[in-house]
Structure formats: structure tokens, C-alpha cells
């Protein structure tokens, strides 16, 4: 009887472990507080946020203590992707460009890391600077925990939408000095190992959309990239095409998709347009690059 009871107890404990082993894990990026203080939100930014419908369960703002939330698949393949939602550096589109994306990634065996970066930062001298700090720290955290989370530290991707794609591009392509004090063993100097750039922008000259802003260039060691945008998304398809051409000039790995319709900000929403199939196309690209195989 005692043996049966002990076996039952062990089984119950094992089942409890299975049920909690892959609960999302949230970590602060800066346990002692962010290295750079945020500029207080202006009245103009407040009004701009309200003009977009304000915030709610699926749209968050006023993030001053950024975090990452780790979503682990049942059978991790060693690849991880940090997901940066968009929102114009006003708010984060946390559901259709965040948690829903993480659900899709885990279905592929990819460990998804949702980046909750500081926002709003529209009143900063450079809107992307503080979010870039957060993304750089997130990369270091993921690589530091790679063994613990059963990850390959050389297969850490960065996927961004709109403003999130802008910050991802800065992390991948701008090679300036880090703008915060480094911690050895935590702040990895490498950028992402691959990039997914979804309807991103911000790298064109504001006075001439046919060329990049002064000083910008794609580095010779830029990571492989998957570009996706809709033709009817203002100047973003021009930007994606120019970025792709720069990759081609340097003989770097890139894939570009421009769909006729889709507009901006569709994320994981479904409205019957071909562009809604982008997760399948992205998964095919990831597989072709070797990111969905065994680690």
C-alpha cells in the first residue's frame, strides 16, 4: 500500500512539473533600474496616443521598467527569437504584434522572447535610443541563459514590427558604442544572428525617400534578414526594397516579400489578404536558413 501511495505521489509531482515547466517567465532587463532616465511624456504625445484610441489590454504604454517574457515550446529546437512589437514609440501593440507572435513561434519549436521596451519615447532626442538599449540587453540576457533554456547562443533572432522593426534594424546594422554601462558576461557585443523586419522604416532620408539618411549603411557582416511589407504601406515598401538591394550589393543573405495589399499594422490579424500568410513564408525562410532544425 505504501509503495502504491509513493508511486502515485511521484506521478502527481511529475505531472505538476509538466504543467508548470513551460509557464512564461518574466525577467527585468534592468533589476537596478534602467541606465538612462526617460523624458517625461509631453502633452503632445499624450494627445497623439489618444488619437490612436488610447491604451487597453492589447495596447500598453508608460513602460519605464522594461522586461522580457520567455515563452518556451514543449520541444525547443535551440532557436530563439526576441519579438519587438510596434506602436510608433508611443505604445506597444502587445497582442497581435506580441503575444500572438510568440504563440506562433513556439508552435515551430522556437523559444519566443517578448520584449516590453520603454515607451513612449517620442519626446527623446532619438526615439529609438532607449528601446535599442532594452533590445541589446535582451540579447545579452538570452545568450546568458542559453544553456538553462536549452538554446543555441548563435541562433538568437530579432523580429520587429514597425517601430519594433526600426529598433531591430538599429541593433542589427548600427555599430556605434553601447549607450549604457556594460556588465561583463551579460552584455554580449554581438547583434542578432538573424533579423525579421516586418513593415519597418526610419532609415530613409526624410528629405529624399529615394536614399538612406546620412551616415547609414548596411555593414559587411549584417545578419540574414527576412523583409515583409505591403505595397500600399506609404514609403515602407521603398525602404524594404532599398534595404534588400543593399544586401544584394554586399552578397548578403536576404529575402524580400512585397504584397499588393495589406496596409500597415496587420501583425497576426486575418482579413483574407495574401499578406496574412506571412508567418508561413517566414517559417519557410527560417527553415531554409537552418533555424528550425536540431540545435
C-alpha atoms as a PDB file:
ATOM      1  CA  UNK A   1       0.000   0.000   0.000  1.00  0.00           C
ATOM      2  CA  UNK A   2       2.844   2.364   0.928  1.00  0.00           C
ATOM      3  CA  UNK A   3       4.571   1.553  -2.370  1.00  0.00           C
ATOM      4  CA  UNK A   4       1.413   2.355  -4.345  1.00  0.00           C
ATOM      5  CA  UNK A   5       0.957   5.621  -2.462  1.00  0.00           C
ATOM      6  CA  UNK A   6       4.594   6.621  -3.046  1.00  0.00           C
ATOM      7  CA  UNK A   7       4.305   5.830  -6.767  1.00  0.00           C
ATOM      8  CA  UNK A   8       1.120   7.886  -7.003  1.00  0.00           C
ATOM      9  CA  UNK A   9       2.794  10.793  -5.210  1.00  0.00           C
ATOM     10  CA  UNK A  10       5.786  10.696  -7.571  1.00  0.00           C
ATOM     11  CA  UNK A  11       3.446  10.603 -10.577  1.00  0.00           C
ATOM     12  CA  UNK A  12       1.464  13.589  -9.295  1.00  0.00           C
ATOM     13  CA  UNK A  13       4.658  15.560  -8.743  1.00  0.00           C
ATOM     14  CA  UNK A  14       5.849  14.710 -12.242  1.00  0.00           C
ATOM     15  CA  UNK A  15       2.542  15.804 -13.742  1.00  0.00           C
ATOM     16  CA  UNK A  16       2.698  19.042 -11.767  1.00  0.00           C
ATOM     17  CA  UNK A  17       6.180  19.678 -13.155  1.00  0.00           C
ATOM     18  CA  UNK A  18       4.927  19.110 -16.703  1.00  0.00           C
ATOM     19  CA  UNK A  19       2.113  21.585 -16.168  1.00  0.00           C
ATOM     20  CA  UNK A  20       4.421  24.361 -14.928  1.00  0.00           C
ATOM     21  CA  UNK A  21       7.686  23.647 -16.758  1.00  0.00           C
ATOM     22  CA  UNK A  22       6.917  25.975 -19.631  1.00  0.00           C
ATOM     23  CA  UNK A  23       4.913  28.713 -17.957  1.00  0.00           C
ATOM     24  CA  UNK A  24       6.037  32.099 -19.351  1.00  0.00           C
ATOM     25  CA  UNK A  25       8.975  33.510 -17.419  1.00  0.00           C
ATOM     26  CA  UNK A  26       9.316  37.285 -16.997  1.00  0.00           C
ATOM     27  CA  UNK A  27      12.652  38.938 -16.202  1.00  0.00           C
ATOM     28  CA  UNK A  28      13.504  42.575 -15.623  1.00  0.00           C
ATOM     29  CA  UNK A  29      16.058  43.929 -18.054  1.00  0.00           C
ATOM     30  CA  UNK A  30      17.463  46.352 -15.508  1.00  0.00           C
ATOM     31  CA  UNK A  31      16.949  44.994 -11.941  1.00  0.00           C
ATOM     32  CA  UNK A  32      18.654  48.091 -10.504  1.00  0.00           C
ATOM     33  CA  UNK A  33      16.719  50.440 -12.762  1.00  0.00           C
ATOM     34  CA  UNK A  34      17.311  51.493 -16.397  1.00  0.00           C
ATOM     35  CA  UNK A  35      20.644  53.205 -17.069  1.00  0.00           C
ATOM     36  CA  UNK A  36      19.021  56.214 -18.756  1.00  0.00           C
ATOM     37  CA  UNK A  37      16.060  58.144 -17.412  1.00  0.00           C
ATOM     38  CA  UNK A  38      13.076  58.746 -19.695  1.00  0.00           C
ATOM     39  CA  UNK A  39      11.980  62.222 -20.678  1.00  0.00           C
ATOM     40  CA  UNK A  40       8.514  62.900 -19.165  1.00  0.00           C
ATOM     41  CA  UNK A  41       5.666  62.373 -21.594  1.00  0.00           C
ATOM     42  CA  UNK A  42       4.604  65.624 -23.226  1.00  0.00           C
ATOM     43  CA  UNK A  43       1.028  66.770 -23.704  1.00  0.00           C
ATOM     44  CA  UNK A  44       1.512  66.393 -27.459  1.00  0.00           C
ATOM     45  CA  UNK A  45       2.477  62.736 -27.021  1.00  0.00           C
ATOM     46  CA  UNK A  46      -0.476  62.146 -24.697  1.00  0.00           C
ATOM     47  CA  UNK A  47      -2.834  63.575 -27.302  1.00  0.00           C
ATOM     48  CA  UNK A  48      -1.200  61.534 -30.057  1.00  0.00           C
ATOM     49  CA  UNK A  49      -1.692  58.319 -28.092  1.00  0.00           C
ATOM     50  CA  UNK A  50      -5.332  59.211 -27.503  1.00  0.00           C
ATOM     51  CA  UNK A  51      -5.787  59.897 -31.222  1.00  0.00           C
ATOM     52  CA  UNK A  52      -4.911  56.238 -31.837  1.00  0.00           C
ATOM     53  CA  UNK A  53      -7.564  55.099 -29.380  1.00  0.00           C
ATOM     54  CA  UNK A  54      -5.557  55.231 -26.187  1.00  0.00           C
ATOM     55  CA  UNK A  55      -4.339  52.124 -24.378  1.00  0.00           C
ATOM     56  CA  UNK A  56      -6.028  48.953 -23.172  1.00  0.00           C
ATOM     57  CA  UNK A  57      -5.423  45.232 -22.626  1.00  0.00           C
ATOM     58  CA  UNK A  58      -3.876  44.791 -26.082  1.00  0.00           C
ATOM     59  CA  UNK A  59      -2.064  48.118 -26.254  1.00  0.00           C
ATOM     60  CA  UNK A  60       0.246  49.208 -23.440  1.00  0.00           C
ATOM     61  CA  UNK A  61       2.229  52.349 -22.759  1.00  0.00           C
ATOM     62  CA  UNK A  62       4.096  54.083 -19.939  1.00  0.00           C
ATOM     63  CA  UNK A  63       6.690  51.302 -19.750  1.00  0.00           C
ATOM     64  CA  UNK A  64       9.506  52.570 -17.528  1.00  0.00           C
ATOM     65  CA  UNK A  65      10.695  49.207 -16.152  1.00  0.00           C
ATOM     66  CA  UNK A  66      11.230  47.074 -19.277  1.00  0.00           C
ATOM     67  CA  UNK A  67      11.106  43.284 -19.228  1.00  0.00           C
ATOM     68  CA  UNK A  68      11.350  40.187 -21.350  1.00  0.00           C
ATOM     69  CA  UNK A  69       8.823  37.359 -21.124  1.00  0.00           C
ATOM     70  CA  UNK A  70      10.100  33.973 -22.270  1.00  0.00           C
ATOM     71  CA  UNK A  71       7.682  31.528 -23.940  1.00  0.00           C
ATOM     72  CA  UNK A  72       9.235  28.048 -24.155  1.00  0.00           C
ATOM     73  CA  UNK A  73       7.957  25.356 -26.524  1.00  0.00           C
ATOM     74  CA  UNK A  74       7.474  21.756 -25.418  1.00  0.00           C
ATOM     75  CA  UNK A  75      10.330  20.659 -27.674  1.00  0.00           C
ATOM     76  CA  UNK A  76      12.743  23.572 -28.158  1.00  0.00           C
ATOM     77  CA  UNK A  77      14.880  23.322 -31.297  1.00  0.00           C
ATOM     78  CA  UNK A  78      17.561  25.650 -29.943  1.00  0.00           C
ATOM     79  CA  UNK A  79      16.484  28.765 -31.835  1.00  0.00           C
ATOM     80  CA  UNK A  80      15.153  31.809 -30.013  1.00  0.00           C
ATOM     81  CA  UNK A  81      13.538  34.971 -31.355  1.00  0.00           C
ATOM     82  CA  UNK A  82      13.145  38.250 -29.482  1.00  0.00           C
ATOM     83  CA  UNK A  83       9.851  39.877 -30.542  1.00  0.00           C
ATOM     84  CA  UNK A  84       9.592  43.677 -30.576  1.00  0.00           C
ATOM     85  CA  UNK A  85       6.008  44.952 -31.071  1.00  0.00           C
ATOM     86  CA  UNK A  86       5.349  48.191 -32.904  1.00  0.00           C
ATOM     87  CA  UNK A  87       3.413  51.260 -31.818  1.00  0.00           C
ATOM     88  CA  UNK A  88       5.223  54.310 -33.125  1.00  0.00           C
ATOM     89  CA  UNK A  89       7.312  54.579 -29.946  1.00  0.00           C
ATOM     90  CA  UNK A  90       4.042  55.678 -28.302  1.00  0.00           C
ATOM     91  CA  UNK A  91       2.730  52.306 -27.132  1.00  0.00           C
ATOM     92  CA  UNK A  92       3.247  48.591 -27.717  1.00  0.00           C
ATOM     93  CA  UNK A  93       0.759  46.588 -29.804  1.00  0.00           C
ATOM     94  CA  UNK A  94       1.144  43.826 -27.289  1.00  0.00           C
ATOM     95  CA  UNK A  95      -1.273  41.199 -28.648  1.00  0.00           C
ATOM     96  CA  UNK A  96      -1.291  40.967 -32.464  1.00  0.00           C
ATOM     97  CA  UNK A  97       2.369  42.033 -32.683  1.00  0.00           C
ATOM     98  CA  UNK A  98       3.452  40.383 -29.455  1.00  0.00           C
ATOM     99  CA  UNK A  99       1.851  37.504 -27.555  1.00  0.00           C
ATOM    100  CA  UNK A 100       0.165  36.058 -30.676  1.00  0.00           C
ATOM    101  CA  UNK A 101       3.507  36.113 -32.494  1.00  0.00           C
ATOM    102  CA  UNK A 102       5.103  34.268 -29.590  1.00  0.00           C
ATOM    103  CA  UNK A 103       2.394  31.588 -29.763  1.00  0.00           C
ATOM    104  CA  UNK A 104       3.154  31.078 -33.460  1.00  0.00           C
ATOM    105  CA  UNK A 105       6.905  30.876 -32.844  1.00  0.00           C
ATOM    106  CA  UNK A 106       6.555  28.288 -30.086  1.00  0.00           C
ATOM    107  CA  UNK A 107       4.433  26.171 -32.442  1.00  0.00           C
ATOM    108  CA  UNK A 108       7.592  25.961 -34.595  1.00  0.00           C
ATOM    109  CA  UNK A 109       9.726  24.827 -31.662  1.00  0.00           C
ATOM    110  CA  UNK A 110      11.250  28.317 -31.319  1.00  0.00           C
ATOM    111  CA  UNK A 111      11.685  29.898 -27.897  1.00  0.00           C
ATOM    112  CA  UNK A 112       9.927  33.273 -28.136  1.00  0.00           C
ATOM    113  CA  UNK A 113      11.065  36.222 -26.036  1.00  0.00           C
ATOM    114  CA  UNK A 114       8.601  39.112 -25.880  1.00  0.00           C
ATOM    115  CA  UNK A 115      10.370  42.437 -25.407  1.00  0.00           C
ATOM    116  CA  UNK A 116       8.466  45.019 -23.392  1.00  0.00           C
ATOM    117  CA  UNK A 117      10.653  48.010 -24.142  1.00  0.00           C
ATOM    118  CA  UNK A 118      10.447  51.525 -22.724  1.00  0.00           C
ATOM    119  CA  UNK A 119       7.728  53.682 -24.222  1.00  0.00           C
ATOM    120  CA  UNK A 120       6.644  56.347 -25.016  1.00  0.00           C
ATOM    121  CA  UNK A 121       9.979  57.719 -26.180  1.00  0.00           C
ATOM    122  CA  UNK A 122       8.734  60.153 -28.825  1.00  0.00           C
ATOM    123  CA  UNK A 123       9.973  63.085 -26.742  1.00  0.00           C
ATOM    124  CA  UNK A 124      13.565  61.801 -26.645  1.00  0.00           C
ATOM    125  CA  UNK A 125      16.181  63.305 -28.979  1.00  0.00           C
ATOM    126  CA  UNK A 126      16.218  59.905 -30.741  1.00  0.00           C
ATOM    127  CA  UNK A 127      13.001  57.935 -30.284  1.00  0.00           C
ATOM    128  CA  UNK A 128      14.742  54.585 -30.772  1.00  0.00           C
ATOM    129  CA  UNK A 129      17.705  55.029 -28.393  1.00  0.00           C
ATOM    130  CA  UNK A 130      16.180  53.728 -25.140  1.00  0.00           C
ATOM    131  CA  UNK A 131      14.290  50.871 -26.866  1.00  0.00           C
ATOM    132  CA  UNK A 132      17.575  49.893 -28.558  1.00  0.00           C
ATOM    133  CA  UNK A 133      19.255  49.753 -25.137  1.00  0.00           C
ATOM    134  CA  UNK A 134      16.491  47.398 -24.000  1.00  0.00           C
ATOM    135  CA  UNK A 135      16.846  45.168 -27.075  1.00  0.00           C
ATOM    136  CA  UNK A 136      20.628  44.981 -26.680  1.00  0.00           C
ATOM    137  CA  UNK A 137      20.272  43.987 -23.027  1.00  0.00           C
ATOM    138  CA  UNK A 138      17.623  41.406 -24.018  1.00  0.00           C
ATOM    139  CA  UNK A 139      20.070  39.798 -26.461  1.00  0.00           C
ATOM    140  CA  UNK A 140      22.655  39.522 -23.708  1.00  0.00           C
ATOM    141  CA  UNK A 141      20.152  38.034 -21.273  1.00  0.00           C
ATOM    142  CA  UNK A 142      19.002  35.387 -23.741  1.00  0.00           C
ATOM    143  CA  UNK A 143      22.560  34.332 -24.536  1.00  0.00           C
ATOM    144  CA  UNK A 144      23.472  34.304 -20.844  1.00  0.00           C
ATOM    145  CA  UNK A 145      20.594  31.896 -20.122  1.00  0.00           C
ATOM    146  CA  UNK A 146      21.097  29.832 -23.296  1.00  0.00           C
ATOM    147  CA  UNK A 147      22.229  26.660 -21.526  1.00  0.00           C
ATOM    148  CA  UNK A 148      19.488  26.944 -18.890  1.00  0.00           C
ATOM    149  CA  UNK A 149      16.781  27.439 -21.543  1.00  0.00           C
ATOM    150  CA  UNK A 150      18.203  24.798 -23.910  1.00  0.00           C
ATOM    151  CA  UNK A 151      19.153  27.347 -26.562  1.00  0.00           C
ATOM    152  CA  UNK A 152      21.902  27.793 -29.109  1.00  0.00           C
ATOM    153  CA  UNK A 153      23.533  31.180 -28.329  1.00  0.00           C
ATOM    154  CA  UNK A 154      24.411  31.532 -32.022  1.00  0.00           C
ATOM    155  CA  UNK A 155      20.774  31.229 -33.156  1.00  0.00           C
ATOM    156  CA  UNK A 156      19.197  34.250 -31.476  1.00  0.00           C
ATOM    157  CA  UNK A 157      16.976  36.237 -33.829  1.00  0.00           C
ATOM    158  CA  UNK A 158      15.236  39.593 -33.547  1.00  0.00           C
ATOM    159  CA  UNK A 159      11.765  40.110 -35.048  1.00  0.00           C
ATOM    160  CA  UNK A 160      10.223  43.563 -35.135  1.00  0.00           C
ATOM    161  CA  UNK A 161       7.080  45.254 -36.415  1.00  0.00           C
ATOM    162  CA  UNK A 162       7.019  48.925 -37.465  1.00  0.00           C
ATOM    163  CA  UNK A 163       8.776  50.844 -34.645  1.00  0.00           C
ATOM    164  CA  UNK A 164       9.902  47.465 -33.303  1.00  0.00           C
ATOM    165  CA  UNK A 165      11.471  46.738 -36.694  1.00  0.00           C
ATOM    166  CA  UNK A 166      13.161  50.129 -36.587  1.00  0.00           C
ATOM    167  CA  UNK A 167      14.788  49.358 -33.240  1.00  0.00           C
ATOM    168  CA  UNK A 168      15.697  45.870 -34.519  1.00  0.00           C
ATOM    169  CA  UNK A 169      17.376  47.419 -37.566  1.00  0.00           C
ATOM    170  CA  UNK A 170      19.380  49.770 -35.377  1.00  0.00           C
ATOM    171  CA  UNK A 171      20.533  46.857 -33.218  1.00  0.00           C
ATOM    172  CA  UNK A 172      21.496  44.776 -36.284  1.00  0.00           C
ATOM    173  CA  UNK A 173      23.001  47.464 -38.530  1.00  0.00           C
ATOM    174  CA  UNK A 174      24.224  50.408 -36.435  1.00  0.00           C
ATOM    175  CA  UNK A 175      27.564  49.568 -34.891  1.00  0.00           C
ATOM    176  CA  UNK A 176      28.108  52.503 -32.574  1.00  0.00           C
ATOM    177  CA  UNK A 177      29.233  52.171 -28.973  1.00  0.00           C
ATOM    178  CA  UNK A 178      26.643  50.965 -26.484  1.00  0.00           C
ATOM    179  CA  UNK A 179      24.951  53.877 -24.771  1.00  0.00           C
ATOM    180  CA  UNK A 180      24.867  52.294 -21.322  1.00  0.00           C
ATOM    181  CA  UNK A 181      27.474  50.804 -18.903  1.00  0.00           C
ATOM    182  CA  UNK A 182      28.368  47.234 -19.827  1.00  0.00           C
ATOM    183  CA  UNK A 183      28.294  44.259 -17.492  1.00  0.00           C
ATOM    184  CA  UNK A 184      30.835  41.544 -18.439  1.00  0.00           C
ATOM    185  CA  UNK A 185      29.164  38.200 -19.069  1.00  0.00           C
ATOM    186  CA  UNK A 186      25.784  39.829 -19.593  1.00  0.00           C
ATOM    187  CA  UNK A 187      26.060  42.447 -22.325  1.00  0.00           C
ATOM    188  CA  UNK A 188      27.076  40.479 -25.411  1.00  0.00           C
ATOM    189  CA  UNK A 189      28.638  42.818 -28.013  1.00  0.00           C
ATOM    190  CA  UNK A 190      27.119  40.802 -30.873  1.00  0.00           C
ATOM    191  CA  UNK A 191      23.889  41.789 -32.544  1.00  0.00           C
ATOM    192  CA  UNK A 192      21.159  39.315 -33.541  1.00  0.00           C
ATOM    193  CA  UNK A 193      22.116  36.245 -35.557  1.00  0.00           C
ATOM    194  CA  UNK A 194      19.180  36.863 -37.907  1.00  0.00           C
ATOM    195  CA  UNK A 195      16.535  39.520 -38.415  1.00  0.00           C
ATOM    196  CA  UNK A 196      12.835  39.568 -39.342  1.00  0.00           C
ATOM    197  CA  UNK A 197      11.873  43.084 -40.474  1.00  0.00           C
ATOM    198  CA  UNK A 198       8.081  43.493 -40.782  1.00  0.00           C
ATOM    199  CA  UNK A 199       6.797  46.808 -42.226  1.00  0.00           C
ATOM    200  CA  UNK A 200       9.678  48.700 -40.666  1.00  0.00           C
ATOM    201  CA  UNK A 201      11.064  52.087 -41.595  1.00  0.00           C
ATOM    202  CA  UNK A 202      13.007  55.063 -40.338  1.00  0.00           C
ATOM    203  CA  UNK A 203      16.250  54.662 -42.290  1.00  0.00           C
ATOM    204  CA  UNK A 204      15.443  56.851 -45.299  1.00  0.00           C
ATOM    205  CA  UNK A 205      16.460  60.476 -45.702  1.00  0.00           C
ATOM    206  CA  UNK A 206      13.368  62.475 -44.603  1.00  0.00           C
ATOM    207  CA  UNK A 207      14.001  64.952 -47.411  1.00  0.00           C
ATOM    208  CA  UNK A 208      14.580  62.364 -50.146  1.00  0.00           C
ATOM    209  CA  UNK A 209      12.859  58.993 -49.808  1.00  0.00           C
ATOM    210  CA  UNK A 210      14.960  57.571 -52.664  1.00  0.00           C
ATOM    211  CA  UNK A 211      18.065  57.308 -50.474  1.00  0.00           C
ATOM    212  CA  UNK A 212      19.123  56.495 -46.924  1.00  0.00           C
ATOM    213  CA  UNK A 213      19.611  59.048 -44.209  1.00  0.00           C
ATOM    214  CA  UNK A 214      23.161  60.461 -43.990  1.00  0.00           C
ATOM    215  CA  UNK A 215      25.633  58.114 -42.339  1.00  0.00           C
ATOM    216  CA  UNK A 216      23.533  54.961 -42.626  1.00  0.00           C
ATOM    217  CA  UNK A 217      24.864  51.869 -44.341  1.00  0.00           C
ATOM    218  CA  UNK A 218      24.409  48.114 -44.155  1.00  0.00           C
ATOM    219  CA  UNK A 219      27.564  46.607 -42.602  1.00  0.00           C
ATOM    220  CA  UNK A 220      29.505  43.893 -44.406  1.00  0.00           C
ATOM    221  CA  UNK A 221      28.626  41.372 -41.688  1.00  0.00           C
ATOM    222  CA  UNK A 222      24.924  42.189 -41.424  1.00  0.00           C
ATOM    223  CA  UNK A 223      22.829  39.194 -40.316  1.00  0.00           C
ATOM    224  CA  UNK A 224      20.493  37.273 -42.677  1.00  0.00           C
ATOM    225  CA  UNK A 225      17.166  39.078 -42.979  1.00  0.00           C
ATOM    226  CA  UNK A 226      13.549  38.435 -43.943  1.00  0.00           C
ATOM    227  CA  UNK A 227      11.759  41.577 -45.179  1.00  0.00           C
ATOM    228  CA  UNK A 228       7.972  41.785 -45.472  1.00  0.00           C
ATOM    229  CA  UNK A 229       5.777  44.774 -46.313  1.00  0.00           C
ATOM    230  CA  UNK A 230       2.639  45.744 -48.221  1.00  0.00           C
ATOM    231  CA  UNK A 231       2.796  47.789 -51.430  1.00  0.00           C
ATOM    232  CA  UNK A 232       0.133  50.147 -50.050  1.00  0.00           C
ATOM    233  CA  UNK A 233       2.119  50.949 -46.868  1.00  0.00           C
ATOM    234  CA  UNK A 234       3.270  54.514 -47.678  1.00  0.00           C
ATOM    235  CA  UNK A 235       7.079  54.642 -48.133  1.00  0.00           C
ATOM    236  CA  UNK A 236       7.890  51.420 -46.267  1.00  0.00           C
ATOM    237  CA  UNK A 237       7.960  49.230 -49.429  1.00  0.00           C
ATOM    238  CA  UNK A 238      10.510  51.635 -50.946  1.00  0.00           C
ATOM    239  CA  UNK A 239      12.604  51.303 -47.817  1.00  0.00           C
ATOM    240  CA  UNK A 240      12.380  47.500 -47.764  1.00  0.00           C
ATOM    241  CA  UNK A 241      13.380  47.343 -51.432  1.00  0.00           C
ATOM    242  CA  UNK A 242      16.363  49.663 -50.910  1.00  0.00           C
ATOM    243  CA  UNK A 243      17.495  47.704 -47.859  1.00  0.00           C
ATOM    244  CA  UNK A 244      17.205  44.477 -49.823  1.00  0.00           C
ATOM    245  CA  UNK A 245      19.281  45.959 -52.673  1.00  0.00           C
ATOM    246  CA  UNK A 246      21.997  46.923 -50.198  1.00  0.00           C
ATOM    247  CA  UNK A 247      22.073  43.316 -49.004  1.00  0.00           C
ATOM    248  CA  UNK A 248      22.275  42.147 -52.614  1.00  0.00           C
ATOM    249  CA  UNK A 249      25.150  44.524 -53.394  1.00  0.00           C
ATOM    250  CA  UNK A 250      27.099  43.060 -50.500  1.00  0.00           C
ATOM    251  CA  UNK A 251      26.149  39.484 -51.396  1.00  0.00           C
ATOM    252  CA  UNK A 252      24.459  39.040 -48.023  1.00  0.00           C
ATOM    253  CA  UNK A 253      21.590  36.656 -47.338  1.00  0.00           C
ATOM    254  CA  UNK A 254      18.152  38.278 -47.645  1.00  0.00           C
ATOM    255  CA  UNK A 255      14.579  37.517 -48.678  1.00  0.00           C
ATOM    256  CA  UNK A 256      12.017  40.187 -49.630  1.00  0.00           C
ATOM    257  CA  UNK A 257       8.211  39.930 -49.829  1.00  0.00           C
ATOM    258  CA  UNK A 258       6.076  42.849 -51.024  1.00  0.00           C
ATOM    259  CA  UNK A 259       2.371  42.037 -51.221  1.00  0.00           C
ATOM    260  CA  UNK A 260      -0.048  44.187 -53.223  1.00  0.00           C
ATOM    261  CA  UNK A 261      -2.364  44.888 -50.298  1.00  0.00           C
ATOM    262  CA  UNK A 262      -2.170  44.851 -46.546  1.00  0.00           C
ATOM    263  CA  UNK A 263      -1.527  48.376 -45.373  1.00  0.00           C
ATOM    264  CA  UNK A 264       0.268  48.856 -42.083  1.00  0.00           C
ATOM    265  CA  UNK A 265      -0.015  47.246 -38.676  1.00  0.00           C
ATOM    266  CA  UNK A 266      -1.719  43.980 -39.600  1.00  0.00           C
ATOM    267  CA  UNK A 267       0.507  41.812 -37.414  1.00  0.00           C
ATOM    268  CA  UNK A 268      -1.126  38.423 -36.860  1.00  0.00           C
ATOM    269  CA  UNK A 269      -4.624  39.631 -37.821  1.00  0.00           C
ATOM    270  CA  UNK A 270      -6.510  37.781 -40.566  1.00  0.00           C
ATOM    271  CA  UNK A 271      -8.586  39.675 -43.132  1.00  0.00           C
ATOM    272  CA  UNK A 272      -8.408  37.372 -46.139  1.00  0.00           C
ATOM    273  CA  UNK A 273      -5.452  39.025 -47.875  1.00  0.00           C
ATOM    274  CA  UNK A 274      -2.432  37.066 -49.161  1.00  0.00           C
ATOM    275  CA  UNK A 275      -0.186  39.061 -46.833  1.00  0.00           C
ATOM    276  CA  UNK A 276      -1.847  37.285 -43.885  1.00  0.00           C
ATOM    277  CA  UNK A 277       0.156  34.221 -44.900  1.00  0.00           C
ATOM    278  CA  UNK A 278       3.408  35.899 -43.932  1.00  0.00           C
ATOM    279  CA  UNK A 279       4.024  33.608 -40.905  1.00  0.00           C
ATOM    280  CA  UNK A 280       4.103  30.593 -43.263  1.00  0.00           C
ATOM    281  CA  UNK A 281       6.525  32.375 -45.607  1.00  0.00           C
ATOM    282  CA  UNK A 282       8.690  33.404 -42.672  1.00  0.00           C
ATOM    283  CA  UNK A 283       8.720  29.853 -41.300  1.00  0.00           C
ATOM    284  CA  UNK A 284       9.804  28.587 -44.730  1.00  0.00           C
ATOM    285  CA  UNK A 285      12.622  31.106 -44.749  1.00  0.00           C
ATOM    286  CA  UNK A 286      13.707  30.162 -41.223  1.00  0.00           C
ATOM    287  CA  UNK A 287      13.717  26.505 -42.209  1.00  0.00           C
ATOM    288  CA  UNK A 288      15.780  27.226 -45.331  1.00  0.00           C
ATOM    289  CA  UNK A 289      18.331  29.038 -43.147  1.00  0.00           C
ATOM    290  CA  UNK A 290      18.597  26.104 -40.759  1.00  0.00           C
ATOM    291  CA  UNK A 291      16.905  27.814 -37.803  1.00  0.00           C
ATOM    292  CA  UNK A 292      14.147  25.234 -37.402  1.00  0.00           C
ATOM    293  CA  UNK A 293      16.347  22.153 -37.329  1.00  0.00           C
ATOM    294  CA  UNK A 294      18.009  20.486 -34.397  1.00  0.00           C
ATOM    295  CA  UNK A 295      20.287  22.715 -32.450  1.00  0.00           C
END
